Amino acid sequence: MTMNLRRIVFFIAFLSIISSTNVVYAQCAMCKATVEKGESPKASLQQRARGLNNGILYMMVVPYLLAGLIGFLWYKSSKKERERKNEIQRIIRRKMSSMQGGQNI
């Protein structure tokens, strides 16, 4: 991918993220309305708010865990591939050095 194409893709992704912020604000308003709604005692409102906060934290953690898992698996895969390439290079070097050593005798 050329550098200009990467910039264009990044710019489009950035604009799509920025344009979707209205949805995020709507969710915050919904949470606020849920906490404020109802005619229950103050302790019950605090429990409801605590439950919503825990739910928000739970929803925030899941994408980060998934991204971390994908990153870890990608790292392990690339490490195995790198080790395999290094082993092939070692074998080729040994064969080449033995072939060169045999010719000099």
Protein backbone atom coordinates (compact mmCIF):
# COMPACT_ATOMS: atom_id res chain seq x y z
CA MET A 1 0.00 0.00 0.00
CA THR A 2 1.44 3.38 -0.93
CA MET A 3 1.84 6.15 1.59
CA ASN A 4 -0.86 8.32 -0.04
CA LEU A 5 -3.35 5.45 -0.01
CA ARG A 6 -2.62 4.81 3.67
CA ARG A 7 -3.26 8.46 4.46
CA ILE A 8 -6.55 8.41 2.59
CA VAL A 9 -7.70 5.25 4.38
CA PHE A 10 -6.66 6.72 7.75
CA PHE A 11 -8.48 9.97 6.99
CA ILE A 12 -11.68 8.17 5.99
CA ALA A 13 -11.54 6.00 9.13
CA PHE A 14 -10.93 9.10 11.27
CA LEU A 15 -13.90 10.92 9.74
CA SER A 16 -16.19 7.93 10.25
CA ILE A 17 -15.20 7.74 13.92
CA ILE A 18 -15.74 11.46 14.43
CA SER A 19 -19.11 11.37 12.68
CA SER A 20 -20.36 8.57 14.95
CA THR A 21 -19.99 10.58 18.17
CA ASN A 22 -23.72 11.48 18.20
CA VAL A 23 -24.51 7.85 18.97
CA VAL A 24 -22.10 7.95 21.91
CA TYR A 25 -23.72 11.07 23.33
CA ALA A 26 -27.15 9.49 22.96
CA GLN A 27 -26.07 6.51 25.03
CA CYS A 28 -24.82 8.79 27.79
CA ALA A 29 -28.15 10.63 27.82
CA MET A 30 -29.99 7.31 28.05
CA CYS A 31 -27.93 6.27 31.06
CA LYS A 32 -28.54 9.60 32.75
CA ALA A 33 -32.28 9.35 32.12
CA THR A 34 -32.35 5.81 33.50
CA VAL A 35 -30.63 6.89 36.71
CA GLU A 36 -32.85 9.94 37.18
CA LYS A 37 -36.09 8.10 36.31
CA GLY A 38 -38.20 6.62 39.04
CA GLU A 39 -39.56 7.68 42.39
CA SER A 40 -37.60 5.32 44.58
CA PRO A 41 -35.53 6.11 47.67
CA LYS A 42 -32.09 7.64 47.30
CA ALA A 43 -30.31 4.39 48.16
CA SER A 44 -32.06 2.64 45.30
CA LEU A 45 -30.97 5.38 42.88
CA GLN A 46 -27.38 4.97 44.05
CA GLN A 47 -27.58 1.22 43.49
CA ARG A 48 -29.01 1.77 40.02
CA ALA A 49 -26.24 4.27 39.21
CA ARG A 50 -23.59 1.88 40.50
CA GLY A 51 -25.05 -0.91 38.37
CA LEU A 52 -25.01 1.29 35.27
CA ASN A 53 -21.42 2.34 35.94
CA ASN A 54 -20.37 -1.31 36.31
CA GLY A 55 -22.17 -2.14 33.07
CA ILE A 56 -20.40 0.68 31.25
CA LEU A 57 -17.03 -0.49 32.56
CA TYR A 58 -17.82 -4.05 31.50
CA MET A 59 -18.72 -2.90 28.00
CA MET A 60 -15.50 -0.87 27.82
CA VAL A 61 -13.27 -3.77 28.88
CA VAL A 62 -14.47 -6.31 26.32
CA PRO A 63 -13.17 -4.53 23.18
CA TYR A 64 -9.79 -3.93 24.83
CA LEU A 65 -9.53 -7.58 25.82
CA LEU A 66 -10.39 -8.68 22.30
CA ALA A 67 -7.85 -6.28 20.79
CA GLY A 68 -5.23 -7.48 23.24
CA LEU A 69 -5.96 -11.12 22.44
CA ILE A 70 -5.73 -10.48 18.70
CA GLY A 71 -2.47 -8.58 19.19
CA PHE A 72 -1.01 -11.37 21.32
CA LEU A 73 -1.98 -14.07 18.80
CA TRP A 74 -0.56 -11.97 15.98
CA TYR A 75 2.70 -11.53 17.89
CA LYS A 76 3.00 -15.26 18.60
CA SER A 77 2.28 -16.10 14.97
CA SER A 78 4.87 -13.66 13.65
CA LYS A 79 7.41 -14.91 16.20
CA LYS A 80 6.92 -18.53 15.07
CA GLU A 81 7.23 -17.47 11.44
CA ARG A 82 10.42 -15.53 12.20
CA GLU A 83 11.91 -18.53 14.04
CA ARG A 84 11.03 -20.80 11.12
CA LYS A 85 12.73 -18.45 8.63
CA ASN A 86 15.81 -18.22 10.85
CA GLU A 87 16.02 -22.02 11.06
CA ILE A 88 15.81 -22.32 7.28
CA GLN A 89 18.55 -19.71 6.91
CA ARG A 90 20.79 -21.64 9.35
CA ILE A 91 20.28 -24.87 7.42
CA ILE A 92 21.09 -23.14 4.12
CA ARG A 93 24.24 -21.56 5.60
CA ARG A 94 25.42 -24.93 6.95
CA LYS A 95 24.84 -26.59 3.58
CA MET A 96 26.57 -23.76 1.73
CA SER A 97 29.57 -23.81 4.09
CA SER A 98 29.87 -27.59 3.81
CA MET A 99 29.70 -27.35 0.02
CA GLN A 100 32.37 -24.65 -0.03
CA GLY A 101 34.53 -26.58 2.43
CA GLY A 102 34.34 -29.70 0.28
CA GLN A 103 35.46 -27.83 -2.83
CA ASN A 104 38.55 -26.37 -1.13
CA ILE A 105 39.90 -29.79 -0.08
